[in-house]
Amino acid sequence: MRLVTNSEQENASRYAMKGFAIGAAQWAGVGLFASGLLYAFMPWYRRTQTVNKFYIVMCFGLGGGAYKSDRYMVNYERRGRAQQLDEETKKRYELIYGDAFEAKKNSENQQA
């Protein structure tokens, strides 16, 4: 899907940032859990400085955010392509069958 207008670019950017925030929160939680496990069972991790532990959790969060942002952007593009395809199909359908077919279909629905 080609983003042509500035508003389309802004919408795509907002959607990707939403994915980044969700992914960062999810994977930061995974990082905290892993850090807690390491702290509980690994003596060498207990001796590690707090700054380094924070860095490990931050890496989980940033990596997860980048991954989820990419997934959201791909889904946004797929949705856009599907919408364009639906619009083109509808135009072709109207060219082939015209409005008479739609009018007949609507009158049948109203009678039922």
PDB file of N, CA and C in Angstrom:
ATOM      1  N   MET A   1       0.845  -1.169   0.000  1.00  0.00           N
ATOM      2  CA  MET A   1       0.000   0.000   0.000  1.00  0.00           C
ATOM      3  C   MET A   1       0.889   1.231   0.000  1.00  0.00           C
ATOM      4  N   ARG A   2       0.646   2.113  -0.899  1.00  0.00           N
ATOM      5  CA  ARG A   2       1.440   3.330  -0.985  1.00  0.00           C
ATOM      6  C   ARG A   2       0.731   4.432  -0.203  1.00  0.00           C
ATOM      7  N   LEU A   3       1.446   5.035   0.739  1.00  0.00           N
ATOM      8  CA  LEU A   3       0.884   6.133   1.514  1.00  0.00           C
ATOM      9  C   LEU A   3       1.124   7.424   0.754  1.00  0.00           C
ATOM     10  N   VAL A   4       0.036   8.026   0.304  1.00  0.00           N
ATOM     11  CA  VAL A   4       0.164   9.178  -0.572  1.00  0.00           C
ATOM     12  C   VAL A   4       0.020  10.483   0.198  1.00  0.00           C
ATOM     13  N   THR A   5      -1.007  10.597   0.990  1.00  0.00           N
ATOM     14  CA  THR A   5      -1.273  11.861   1.667  1.00  0.00           C
ATOM     15  C   THR A   5      -0.596  11.898   3.029  1.00  0.00           C
ATOM     16  N   ASN A   6      -0.470  13.102   3.545  1.00  0.00           N
ATOM     17  CA  ASN A   6       0.140  13.289   4.858  1.00  0.00           C
ATOM     18  C   ASN A   6      -0.713  12.656   5.953  1.00  0.00           C
ATOM     19  N   SER A   7      -2.031  12.716   5.813  1.00  0.00           N
ATOM     20  CA  SER A   7      -2.905  12.124   6.827  1.00  0.00           C
ATOM     21  C   SER A   7      -2.760  10.597   6.863  1.00  0.00           C
ATOM     22  N   GLU A   8      -2.592   9.974   5.701  1.00  0.00           N
ATOM     23  CA  GLU A   8      -2.365   8.523   5.673  1.00  0.00           C
ATOM     24  C   GLU A   8      -1.048   8.170   6.359  1.00  0.00           C
ATOM     25  N   GLN A   9      -0.026   8.985   6.136  1.00  0.00           N
ATOM     26  CA  GLN A   9       1.259   8.749   6.791  1.00  0.00           C
ATOM     27  C   GLN A   9       1.137   8.915   8.297  1.00  0.00           C
ATOM     28  N   GLU A  10       0.384   9.919   8.728  1.00  0.00           N
ATOM     29  CA  GLU A  10       0.183  10.140  10.163  1.00  0.00           C
ATOM     30  C   GLU A  10      -0.587   8.976  10.795  1.00  0.00           C
ATOM     31  N   ASN A  11      -1.620   8.494  10.105  1.00  0.00           N
ATOM     32  CA  ASN A  11      -2.390   7.364  10.632  1.00  0.00           C
ATOM     33  C   ASN A  11      -1.519   6.114  10.752  1.00  0.00           C
ATOM     34  N   ALA A  12      -0.707   5.858   9.743  1.00  0.00           N
ATOM     35  CA  ALA A  12       0.177   4.695   9.782  1.00  0.00           C
ATOM     36  C   ALA A  12       1.198   4.841  10.907  1.00  0.00           C
ATOM     37  N   SER A  13       1.717   6.032  11.078  1.00  0.00           N
ATOM     38  CA  SER A  13       2.696   6.279  12.132  1.00  0.00           C
ATOM     39  C   SER A  13       2.078   6.078  13.515  1.00  0.00           C
ATOM     40  N   ARG A  14       0.871   6.606  13.704  1.00  0.00           N
ATOM     41  CA  ARG A  14       0.208   6.430  15.006  1.00  0.00           C
ATOM     42  C   ARG A  14      -0.058   4.953  15.301  1.00  0.00           C
ATOM     43  N   TYR A  15      -0.484   4.232  14.278  1.00  0.00           N
ATOM     44  CA  TYR A  15      -0.783   2.814  14.466  1.00  0.00           C
ATOM     45  C   TYR A  15       0.489   2.027  14.804  1.00  0.00           C
ATOM     46  N   ALA A  16       1.597   2.366  14.142  1.00  0.00           N
ATOM     47  CA  ALA A  16       2.870   1.698  14.431  1.00  0.00           C
ATOM     48  C   ALA A  16       3.354   2.047  15.840  1.00  0.00           C
ATOM     49  N   MET A  17       3.170   3.289  16.264  1.00  0.00           N
ATOM     50  CA  MET A  17       3.589   3.683  17.615  1.00  0.00           C
ATOM     51  C   MET A  17       2.735   2.999  18.677  1.00  0.00           C
ATOM     52  N   LYS A  18       1.461   2.793  18.362  1.00  0.00           N
ATOM     53  CA  LYS A  18       0.596   2.034  19.273  1.00  0.00           C
ATOM     54  C   LYS A  18       1.143   0.617  19.437  1.00  0.00           C
ATOM     55  N   GLY A  19       1.543   0.013  18.326  1.00  0.00           N
ATOM     56  CA  GLY A  19       2.129  -1.324  18.381  1.00  0.00           C
ATOM     57  C   GLY A  19       3.427  -1.329  19.170  1.00  0.00           C
ATOM     58  N   PHE A  20       4.242  -0.277  19.008  1.00  0.00           N
ATOM     59  CA  PHE A  20       5.495  -0.201  19.760  1.00  0.00           C
ATOM     60  C   PHE A  20       5.216  -0.136  21.259  1.00  0.00           C
ATOM     61  N   ALA A  21       4.258   0.678  21.662  1.00  0.00           N
ATOM     62  CA  ALA A  21       3.945   0.818  23.086  1.00  0.00           C
ATOM     63  C   ALA A  21       3.442  -0.504  23.670  1.00  0.00           C
ATOM     64  N   ILE A  22       2.585  -1.182  22.946  1.00  0.00           N
ATOM     65  CA  ILE A  22       2.045  -2.464  23.422  1.00  0.00           C
ATOM     66  C   ILE A  22       3.153  -3.506  23.505  1.00  0.00           C
ATOM     67  N   GLY A  23       3.970  -3.597  22.462  1.00  0.00           N
ATOM     68  CA  GLY A  23       5.066  -4.568  22.449  1.00  0.00           C
ATOM     69  C   GLY A  23       6.103  -4.285  23.521  1.00  0.00           C
ATOM     70  N   ALA A  24       6.420  -3.005  23.728  1.00  0.00           N
ATOM     71  CA  ALA A  24       7.394  -2.658  24.759  1.00  0.00           C
ATOM     72  C   ALA A  24       6.876  -3.037  26.138  1.00  0.00           C
ATOM     73  N   ALA A  25       5.595  -2.777  26.399  1.00  0.00           N
ATOM     74  CA  ALA A  25       5.020  -3.137  27.699  1.00  0.00           C
ATOM     75  C   ALA A  25       5.006  -4.655  27.892  1.00  0.00           C
ATOM     76  N   GLN A  26       4.614  -5.380  26.856  1.00  0.00           N
ATOM     77  CA  GLN A  26       4.556  -6.838  26.970  1.00  0.00           C
ATOM     78  C   GLN A  26       5.942  -7.427  27.230  1.00  0.00           C
ATOM     79  N   TRP A  27       6.898  -7.036  26.422  1.00  0.00           N
ATOM     80  CA  TRP A  27       8.216  -7.637  26.535  1.00  0.00           C
ATOM     81  C   TRP A  27       9.013  -7.106  27.720  1.00  0.00           C
ATOM     82  N   ALA A  28       8.705  -5.899  28.174  1.00  0.00           N
ATOM     83  CA  ALA A  28       9.337  -5.432  29.412  1.00  0.00           C
ATOM     84  C   ALA A  28       8.850  -6.284  30.582  1.00  0.00           C
ATOM     85  N   GLY A  29       7.586  -6.685  30.537  1.00  0.00           N
ATOM     86  CA  GLY A  29       7.065  -7.600  31.556  1.00  0.00           C
ATOM     87  C   GLY A  29       7.772  -8.942  31.515  1.00  0.00           C
ATOM     88  N   VAL A  30       8.021  -9.434  30.312  1.00  0.00           N
ATOM     89  CA  VAL A  30       8.771 -10.692  30.166  1.00  0.00           C
ATOM     90  C   VAL A  30      10.189 -10.511  30.711  1.00  0.00           C
ATOM     91  N   GLY A  31      10.797  -9.371  30.415  1.00  0.00           N
ATOM     92  CA  GLY A  31      12.147  -9.091  30.912  1.00  0.00           C
ATOM     93  C   GLY A  31      12.189  -9.005  32.430  1.00  0.00           C
ATOM     94  N   LEU A  32      11.179  -8.376  33.018  1.00  0.00           N
ATOM     95  CA  LEU A  32      11.124  -8.309  34.489  1.00  0.00           C
ATOM     96  C   LEU A  32      10.969  -9.698  35.098  1.00  0.00           C
ATOM     97  N   PHE A  33      10.124 -10.512  34.479  1.00  0.00           N
ATOM     98  CA  PHE A  33       9.939 -11.874  34.969  1.00  0.00           C
ATOM     99  C   PHE A  33      11.238 -12.667  34.867  1.00  0.00           C
ATOM    100  N   ALA A  34      11.908 -12.560  33.729  1.00  0.00           N
ATOM    101  CA  ALA A  34      13.183 -13.265  33.548  1.00  0.00           C
ATOM    102  C   ALA A  34      14.223 -12.752  34.522  1.00  0.00           C
ATOM    103  N   SER A  35      14.227 -11.446  34.755  1.00  0.00           N
ATOM    104  CA  SER A  35      15.162 -10.866  35.705  1.00  0.00           C
ATOM    105  C   SER A  35      14.885 -11.369  37.118  1.00  0.00           C
ATOM    106  N   GLY A  36      13.612 -11.483  37.453  1.00  0.00           N
ATOM    107  CA  GLY A  36      13.253 -12.015  38.771  1.00  0.00           C
ATOM    108  C   GLY A  36      13.691 -13.460  38.947  1.00  0.00           C
ATOM    109  N   LEU A  37      13.504 -14.257  37.895  1.00  0.00           N
ATOM    110  CA  LEU A  37      13.955 -15.649  37.959  1.00  0.00           C
ATOM    111  C   LEU A  37      15.472 -15.737  38.102  1.00  0.00           C
ATOM    112  N   LEU A  38      16.168 -14.936  37.316  1.00  0.00           N
ATOM    113  CA  LEU A  38      17.627 -14.934  37.413  1.00  0.00           C
ATOM    114  C   LEU A  38      18.088 -14.482  38.800  1.00  0.00           C
ATOM    115  N   TYR A  39      17.423 -13.481  39.345  1.00  0.00           N
ATOM    116  CA  TYR A  39      17.791 -13.001  40.678  1.00  0.00           C
ATOM    117  C   TYR A  39      17.550 -14.075  41.735  1.00  0.00           C
ATOM    118  N   ALA A  40      16.481 -14.839  41.569  1.00  0.00           N
ATOM    119  CA  ALA A  40      16.141 -15.856  42.564  1.00  0.00           C
ATOM    120  C   ALA A  40      17.062 -17.071  42.497  1.00  0.00           C
ATOM    121  N   PHE A  41      17.517 -17.443  41.293  1.00  0.00           N
ATOM    122  CA  PHE A  41      18.222 -18.711  41.160  1.00  0.00           C
ATOM    123  C   PHE A  41      19.687 -18.601  40.749  1.00  0.00           C
ATOM    124  N   MET A  42      20.158 -17.453  40.355  1.00  0.00           N
ATOM    125  CA  MET A  42      21.541 -17.318  39.902  1.00  0.00           C
ATOM    126  C   MET A  42      22.314 -16.343  40.798  1.00  0.00           C
ATOM    127  N   PRO A  43      23.280 -16.853  41.544  1.00  0.00           N
ATOM    128  CA  PRO A  43      24.039 -15.962  42.438  1.00  0.00           C
ATOM    129  C   PRO A  43      24.829 -14.891  41.689  1.00  0.00           C
ATOM    130  N   TRP A  44      25.322 -15.189  40.512  1.00  0.00           N
ATOM    131  CA  TRP A  44      26.088 -14.197  39.767  1.00  0.00           C
ATOM    132  C   TRP A  44      25.206 -13.029  39.338  1.00  0.00           C
ATOM    133  N   TYR A  45      23.914 -13.281  39.149  1.00  0.00           N
ATOM    134  CA  TYR A  45      23.009 -12.203  38.749  1.00  0.00           C
ATOM    135  C   TYR A  45      22.723 -11.278  39.929  1.00  0.00           C
ATOM    136  N   ARG A  46      22.706 -11.839  41.134  1.00  0.00           N
ATOM    137  CA  ARG A  46      22.503 -11.001  42.323  1.00  0.00           C
ATOM    138  C   ARG A  46      23.637 -10.002  42.492  1.00  0.00           C
ATOM    139  N   ARG A  47      24.853 -10.403  42.116  1.00  0.00           N
ATOM    140  CA  ARG A  47      26.010  -9.514  42.249  1.00  0.00           C
ATOM    141  C   ARG A  47      26.094  -8.473  41.131  1.00  0.00           C
ATOM    142  N   THR A  48      25.303  -8.654  40.079  1.00  0.00           N
ATOM    143  CA  THR A  48      25.318  -7.716  38.958  1.00  0.00           C
ATOM    144  C   THR A  48      24.756  -6.369  39.418  1.00  0.00           C
ATOM    145  N   GLN A  49      25.321  -5.302  38.915  1.00  0.00           N
ATOM    146  CA  GLN A  49      24.853  -3.971  39.289  1.00  0.00           C
ATOM    147  C   GLN A  49      23.428  -3.733  38.789  1.00  0.00           C
ATOM    148  N   THR A  50      22.715  -2.895  39.518  1.00  0.00           N
ATOM    149  CA  THR A  50      21.318  -2.599  39.185  1.00  0.00           C
ATOM    150  C   THR A  50      21.190  -1.962  37.806  1.00  0.00           C
ATOM    151  N   VAL A  51      22.167  -1.145  37.439  1.00  0.00           N
ATOM    152  CA  VAL A  51      22.134  -0.500  36.130  1.00  0.00           C
ATOM    153  C   VAL A  51      22.149  -1.549  35.023  1.00  0.00           C
ATOM    154  N   ASN A  52      22.945  -2.570  35.170  1.00  0.00           N
ATOM    155  CA  ASN A  52      23.013  -3.622  34.154  1.00  0.00           C
ATOM    156  C   ASN A  52      21.726  -4.444  34.109  1.00  0.00           C
ATOM    157  N   LYS A  53      21.111  -4.649  35.259  1.00  0.00           N
ATOM    158  CA  LYS A  53      19.832  -5.362  35.286  1.00  0.00           C
ATOM    159  C   LYS A  53      18.763  -4.545  34.564  1.00  0.00           C
ATOM    160  N   PHE A  54      18.781  -3.251  34.794  1.00  0.00           N
ATOM    161  CA  PHE A  54      17.837  -2.377  34.099  1.00  0.00           C
ATOM    162  C   PHE A  54      18.076  -2.427  32.595  1.00  0.00           C
ATOM    163  N   TYR A  55      19.331  -2.459  32.196  1.00  0.00           N
ATOM    164  CA  TYR A  55      19.672  -2.515  30.775  1.00  0.00           C
ATOM    165  C   TYR A  55      19.126  -3.789  30.136  1.00  0.00           C
ATOM    166  N   ILE A  56      19.201  -4.898  30.840  1.00  0.00           N
ATOM    167  CA  ILE A  56      18.687  -6.169  30.320  1.00  0.00           C
ATOM    168  C   ILE A  56      17.176  -6.082  30.108  1.00  0.00           C
ATOM    169  N   VAL A  57      16.457  -5.528  31.094  1.00  0.00           N
ATOM    170  CA  VAL A  57      15.006  -5.387  30.978  1.00  0.00           C
ATOM    171  C   VAL A  57      14.663  -4.405  29.859  1.00  0.00           C
ATOM    172  N   MET A  58      15.449  -3.338  29.750  1.00  0.00           N
ATOM    173  CA  MET A  58      15.217  -2.351  28.703  1.00  0.00           C
ATOM    174  C   MET A  58      15.417  -2.964  27.314  1.00  0.00           C
ATOM    175  N   CYS A  59      16.394  -3.840  27.169  1.00  0.00           N
ATOM    176  CA  CYS A  59      16.617  -4.507  25.884  1.00  0.00           C
ATOM    177  C   CYS A  59      15.420  -5.367  25.505  1.00  0.00           C
ATOM    178  N   PHE A  60      14.849  -6.059  26.477  1.00  0.00           N
ATOM    179  CA  PHE A  60      13.634  -6.832  26.213  1.00  0.00           C
ATOM    180  C   PHE A  60      12.527  -5.906  25.716  1.00  0.00           C
ATOM    181  N   GLY A  61      12.336  -4.795  26.417  1.00  0.00           N
ATOM    182  CA  GLY A  61      11.266  -3.864  26.053  1.00  0.00           C
ATOM    183  C   GLY A  61      11.460  -3.261  24.673  1.00  0.00           C
ATOM    184  N   LEU A  62      12.672  -2.811  24.370  1.00  0.00           N
ATOM    185  CA  LEU A  62      12.920  -2.188  23.067  1.00  0.00           C
ATOM    186  C   LEU A  62      12.807  -3.195  21.922  1.00  0.00           C
ATOM    187  N   GLY A  63      13.324  -4.381  22.143  1.00  0.00           N
ATOM    188  CA  GLY A  63      13.208  -5.419  21.115  1.00  0.00           C
ATOM    189  C   GLY A  63      11.769  -5.813  20.860  1.00  0.00           C
ATOM    190  N   GLY A  64      11.006  -5.989  21.932  1.00  0.00           N
ATOM    191  CA  GLY A  64       9.588  -6.327  21.783  1.00  0.00           C
ATOM    192  C   GLY A  64       8.800  -5.214  21.137  1.00  0.00           C
ATOM    193  N   GLY A  65       9.141  -3.973  21.487  1.00  0.00           N
ATOM    194  CA  GLY A  65       8.461  -2.836  20.879  1.00  0.00           C
ATOM    195  C   GLY A  65       8.736  -2.745  19.390  1.00  0.00           C
ATOM    196  N   ALA A  66       9.979  -2.959  18.997  1.00  0.00           N
ATOM    197  CA  ALA A  66      10.332  -2.909  17.577  1.00  0.00           C
ATOM    198  C   ALA A  66       9.624  -4.018  16.805  1.00  0.00           C
ATOM    199  N   TYR A  67       9.579  -5.208  17.387  1.00  0.00           N
ATOM    200  CA  TYR A  67       8.915  -6.332  16.723  1.00  0.00           C
ATOM    201  C   TYR A  67       7.422  -6.057  16.553  1.00  0.00           C
ATOM    202  N   LYS A  68       6.763  -5.629  17.624  1.00  0.00           N
ATOM    203  CA  LYS A  68       5.325  -5.405  17.576  1.00  0.00           C
ATOM    204  C   LYS A  68       4.977  -4.227  16.670  1.00  0.00           C
ATOM    205  N   SER A  69       5.826  -3.210  16.652  1.00  0.00           N
ATOM    206  CA  SER A  69       5.606  -2.076  15.767  1.00  0.00           C
ATOM    207  C   SER A  69       5.632  -2.531  14.308  1.00  0.00           C
ATOM    208  N   ASP A  70       6.569  -3.377  13.973  1.00  0.00           N
ATOM    209  CA  ASP A  70       6.651  -3.903  12.611  1.00  0.00           C
ATOM    210  C   ASP A  70       5.417  -4.736  12.275  1.00  0.00           C
ATOM    211  N   ARG A  71       4.961  -5.562  13.194  1.00  0.00           N
ATOM    212  CA  ARG A  71       3.767  -6.374  12.962  1.00  0.00           C
ATOM    213  C   ARG A  71       2.548  -5.488  12.738  1.00  0.00           C
ATOM    214  N   TYR A  72       2.402  -4.444  13.551  1.00  0.00           N
ATOM    215  CA  TYR A  72       1.263  -3.542  13.383  1.00  0.00           C
ATOM    216  C   TYR A  72       1.325  -2.845  12.029  1.00  0.00           C
ATOM    217  N   MET A  73       2.530  -2.441  11.616  1.00  0.00           N
ATOM    218  CA  MET A  73       2.663  -1.752  10.330  1.00  0.00           C
ATOM    219  C   MET A  73       2.323  -2.680   9.165  1.00  0.00           C
ATOM    220  N   VAL A  74       2.749  -3.927   9.234  1.00  0.00           N
ATOM    221  CA  VAL A  74       2.429  -4.902   8.193  1.00  0.00           C
ATOM    222  C   VAL A  74       0.916  -5.134   8.144  1.00  0.00           C
ATOM    223  N   ASN A  75       0.277  -5.253   9.299  1.00  0.00           N
ATOM    224  CA  ASN A  75      -1.173  -5.451   9.332  1.00  0.00           C
ATOM    225  C   ASN A  75      -1.908  -4.231   8.790  1.00  0.00           C
ATOM    226  N   TYR A  76      -1.393  -3.034   9.076  1.00  0.00           N
ATOM    227  CA  TYR A  76      -1.991  -1.808   8.545  1.00  0.00           C
ATOM    228  C   TYR A  76      -1.923  -1.807   7.018  1.00  0.00           C
ATOM    229  N   GLU A  77      -0.776  -2.190   6.478  1.00  0.00           N
ATOM    230  CA  GLU A  77      -0.628  -2.244   5.019  1.00  0.00           C
ATOM    231  C   GLU A  77      -1.541  -3.297   4.414  1.00  0.00           C
ATOM    232  N   ARG A  78      -1.658  -4.438   5.049  1.00  0.00           N
ATOM    233  CA  ARG A  78      -2.540  -5.494   4.531  1.00  0.00           C
ATOM    234  C   ARG A  78      -3.993  -5.041   4.527  1.00  0.00           C
ATOM    235  N   ARG A  79      -4.403  -4.367   5.609  1.00  0.00           N
ATOM    236  CA  ARG A  79      -5.772  -3.863   5.665  1.00  0.00           C
ATOM    237  C   ARG A  79      -6.025  -2.851   4.554  1.00  0.00           C
ATOM    238  N   GLY A  80      -5.039  -1.985   4.312  1.00  0.00           N
ATOM    239  CA  GLY A  80      -5.175  -0.999   3.248  1.00  0.00           C
ATOM    240  C   GLY A  80      -5.281  -1.640   1.884  1.00  0.00           C
ATOM    241  N   ARG A  81      -4.461  -2.661   1.647  1.00  0.00           N
ATOM    242  CA  ARG A  81      -4.519  -3.361   0.359  1.00  0.00           C
ATOM    243  C   ARG A  81      -5.851  -4.073   0.186  1.00  0.00           C
ATOM    244  N   ALA A  82      -6.341  -4.691   1.257  1.00  0.00           N
ATOM    245  CA  ALA A  82      -7.624  -5.391   1.187  1.00  0.00           C
ATOM    246  C   ALA A  82      -8.754  -4.397   0.905  1.00  0.00           C
ATOM    247  N   GLN A  83      -8.686  -3.222   1.507  1.00  0.00           N
ATOM    248  CA  GLN A  83      -9.708  -2.207   1.267  1.00  0.00           C
ATOM    249  C   GLN A  83      -9.664  -1.737  -0.189  1.00  0.00           C
ATOM    250  N   GLN A  84      -8.471  -1.517  -0.724  1.00  0.00           N
ATOM    251  CA  GLN A  84      -8.343  -1.110  -2.125  1.00  0.00           C
ATOM    252  C   GLN A  84      -8.890  -2.193  -3.056  1.00  0.00           C
ATOM    253  N   LEU A  85      -8.585  -3.449  -2.750  1.00  0.00           N
ATOM    254  CA  LEU A  85      -9.082  -4.548  -3.570  1.00  0.00           C
ATOM    255  C   LEU A  85     -10.608  -4.624  -3.525  1.00  0.00           C
ATOM    256  N   ASP A  86     -11.190  -4.432  -2.350  1.00  0.00           N
ATOM    257  CA  ASP A  86     -12.646  -4.443  -2.230  1.00  0.00           C
ATOM    258  C   ASP A  86     -13.282  -3.316  -3.039  1.00  0.00           C
ATOM    259  N   GLU A  87     -12.669  -2.131  -3.002  1.00  0.00           N
ATOM    260  CA  GLU A  87     -13.204  -1.004  -3.766  1.00  0.00           C
ATOM    261  C   GLU A  87     -13.139  -1.284  -5.272  1.00  0.00           C
ATOM    262  N   GLU A  88     -12.015  -1.837  -5.724  1.00  0.00           N
ATOM    263  CA  GLU A  88     -11.879  -2.155  -7.150  1.00  0.00           C
ATOM    264  C   GLU A  88     -12.868  -3.242  -7.573  1.00  0.00           C
ATOM    265  N   THR A  89     -13.059  -4.239  -6.740  1.00  0.00           N
ATOM    266  CA  THR A  89     -14.016  -5.307  -7.039  1.00  0.00           C
ATOM    267  C   THR A  89     -15.433  -4.752  -7.123  1.00  0.00           C
ATOM    268  N   LYS A  90     -15.752  -3.839  -6.208  1.00  0.00           N
ATOM    269  CA  LYS A  90     -17.089  -3.236  -6.226  1.00  0.00           C
ATOM    270  C   LYS A  90     -17.297  -2.416  -7.504  1.00  0.00           C
ATOM    271  N   LYS A  91     -16.269  -1.689  -7.938  1.00  0.00           N
ATOM    272  CA  LYS A  91     -16.378  -0.910  -9.180  1.00  0.00           C
ATOM    273  C   LYS A  91     -16.598  -1.832 -10.377  1.00  0.00           C
ATOM    274  N   ARG A  92     -15.847  -2.926 -10.449  1.00  0.00           N
ATOM    275  CA  ARG A  92     -16.011  -3.874 -11.560  1.00  0.00           C
ATOM    276  C   ARG A  92     -17.389  -4.522 -11.534  1.00  0.00           C
ATOM    277  N   TYR A  93     -17.859  -4.849 -10.345  1.00  0.00           N
ATOM    278  CA  TYR A  93     -19.168  -5.461 -10.176  1.00  0.00           C
ATOM    279  C   TYR A  93     -20.256  -4.524 -10.678  1.00  0.00           C
ATOM    280  N   GLU A  94     -20.133  -3.237 -10.341  1.00  0.00           N
ATOM    281  CA  GLU A  94     -21.122  -2.259 -10.795  1.00  0.00           C
ATOM    282  C   GLU A  94     -21.057  -2.053 -12.299  1.00  0.00           C
ATOM    283  N   LEU A  95     -19.842  -2.142 -12.895  1.00  0.00           N
ATOM    284  CA  LEU A  95     -19.726  -2.027 -14.343  1.00  0.00           C
ATOM    285  C   LEU A  95     -20.394  -3.204 -15.046  1.00  0.00           C
ATOM    286  N   ILE A  96     -20.218  -4.394 -14.494  1.00  0.00           N
ATOM    287  CA  ILE A  96     -20.760  -5.596 -15.135  1.00  0.00           C
ATOM    288  C   ILE A  96     -22.269  -5.693 -14.939  1.00  0.00           C
ATOM    289  N   TYR A  97     -22.730  -5.564 -13.692  1.00  0.00           N
ATOM    290  CA  TYR A  97     -24.133  -5.807 -13.383  1.00  0.00           C
ATOM    291  C   TYR A  97     -24.966  -4.534 -13.336  1.00  0.00           C
ATOM    292  N   GLY A  98     -24.351  -3.415 -13.043  1.00  0.00           N
ATOM    293  CA  GLY A  98     -25.062  -2.138 -13.031  1.00  0.00           C
ATOM    294  C   GLY A  98     -25.984  -1.984 -11.836  1.00  0.00           C
ATOM    295  N   ASP A  99     -26.727  -0.890 -11.873  1.00  0.00           N
ATOM    296  CA  ASP A  99     -27.620  -0.578 -10.759  1.00  0.00           C
ATOM    297  C   ASP A  99     -28.918  -1.364 -10.820  1.00  0.00           C
ATOM    298  N   ALA A 100     -29.304  -1.882 -11.992  1.00  0.00           N
ATOM    299  CA  ALA A 100     -30.557  -2.630 -12.126  1.00  0.00           C
ATOM    300  C   ALA A 100     -30.523  -3.884 -11.253  1.00  0.00           C
ATOM    301  N   PHE A 101     -29.375  -4.539 -11.221  1.00  0.00           N
ATOM    302  CA  PHE A 101     -29.252  -5.749 -10.400  1.00  0.00           C
ATOM    303  C   PHE A 101     -29.408  -5.401  -8.924  1.00  0.00           C
ATOM    304  N   GLU A 102     -28.818  -4.310  -8.507  1.00  0.00           N
ATOM    305  CA  GLU A 102     -28.929  -3.881  -7.110  1.00  0.00           C
ATOM    306  C   GLU A 102     -30.371  -3.515  -6.769  1.00  0.00           C
ATOM    307  N   ALA A 103     -31.047  -2.830  -7.680  1.00  0.00           N
ATOM    308  CA  ALA A 103     -32.438  -2.445  -7.436  1.00  0.00           C
ATOM    309  C   ALA A 103     -33.317  -3.686  -7.297  1.00  0.00           C
ATOM    310  N   LYS A 104     -33.086  -4.684  -8.156  1.00  0.00           N
ATOM    311  CA  LYS A 104     -33.871  -5.924  -8.074  1.00  0.00           C
ATOM    312  C   LYS A 104     -33.582  -6.644  -6.750  1.00  0.00           C
ATOM    313  N   LYS A 105     -32.328  -6.659  -6.340  1.00  0.00           N
ATOM    314  CA  LYS A 105     -31.953  -7.323  -5.100  1.00  0.00           C
ATOM    315  C   LYS A 105     -32.579  -6.627  -3.895  1.00  0.00           C
ATOM    316  N   ASN A 106     -32.597  -5.294  -3.912  1.00  0.00           N
ATOM    317  CA  ASN A 106     -33.194  -4.530  -2.809  1.00  0.00           C
ATOM    318  C   ASN A 106     -34.700  -4.725  -2.757  1.00  0.00           C
ATOM    319  N   SER A 107     -35.355  -4.789  -3.914  1.00  0.00           N
ATOM    320  CA  SER A 107     -36.811  -4.999  -3.926  1.00  0.00           C
ATOM    321  C   SER A 107     -37.157  -6.388  -3.417  1.00  0.00           C
ATOM    322  N   GLU A 108     -36.345  -7.379  -3.708  1.00  0.00           N
ATOM    323  CA  GLU A 108     -36.575  -8.736  -3.182  1.00  0.00           C
ATOM    324  C   GLU A 108     -36.415  -8.753  -1.668  1.00  0.00           C
ATOM    325  N   ASN A 109     -35.437  -8.039  -1.158  1.00  0.00           N
ATOM    326  CA  ASN A 109     -35.224  -7.978   0.295  1.00  0.00           C
ATOM    327  C   ASN A 109     -36.373  -7.273   0.999  1.00  0.00           C
ATOM    328  N   GLN A 110     -36.940  -6.257   0.379  1.00  0.00           N
ATOM    329  CA  GLN A 110     -38.035  -5.524   0.984  1.00  0.00           C
ATOM    330  C   GLN A 110     -39.317  -6.352   0.988  1.00  0.00           C
ATOM    331  N   GLN A 111     -39.532  -7.188  -0.021  1.00  0.00           N
ATOM    332  CA  GLN A 111     -40.720  -8.011  -0.083  1.00  0.00           C
ATOM    333  C   GLN A 111     -40.649  -9.159   0.916  1.00  0.00           C
ATOM    334  N   ALA A 112     -39.454  -9.626   1.243  1.00  0.00           N
ATOM    335  CA  ALA A 112     -39.315 -10.783   2.150  1.00  0.00           C
ATOM    336  C   ALA A 112     -39.568 -10.416   3.594  1.00  0.00           C
TER     337      ALA A 112
END
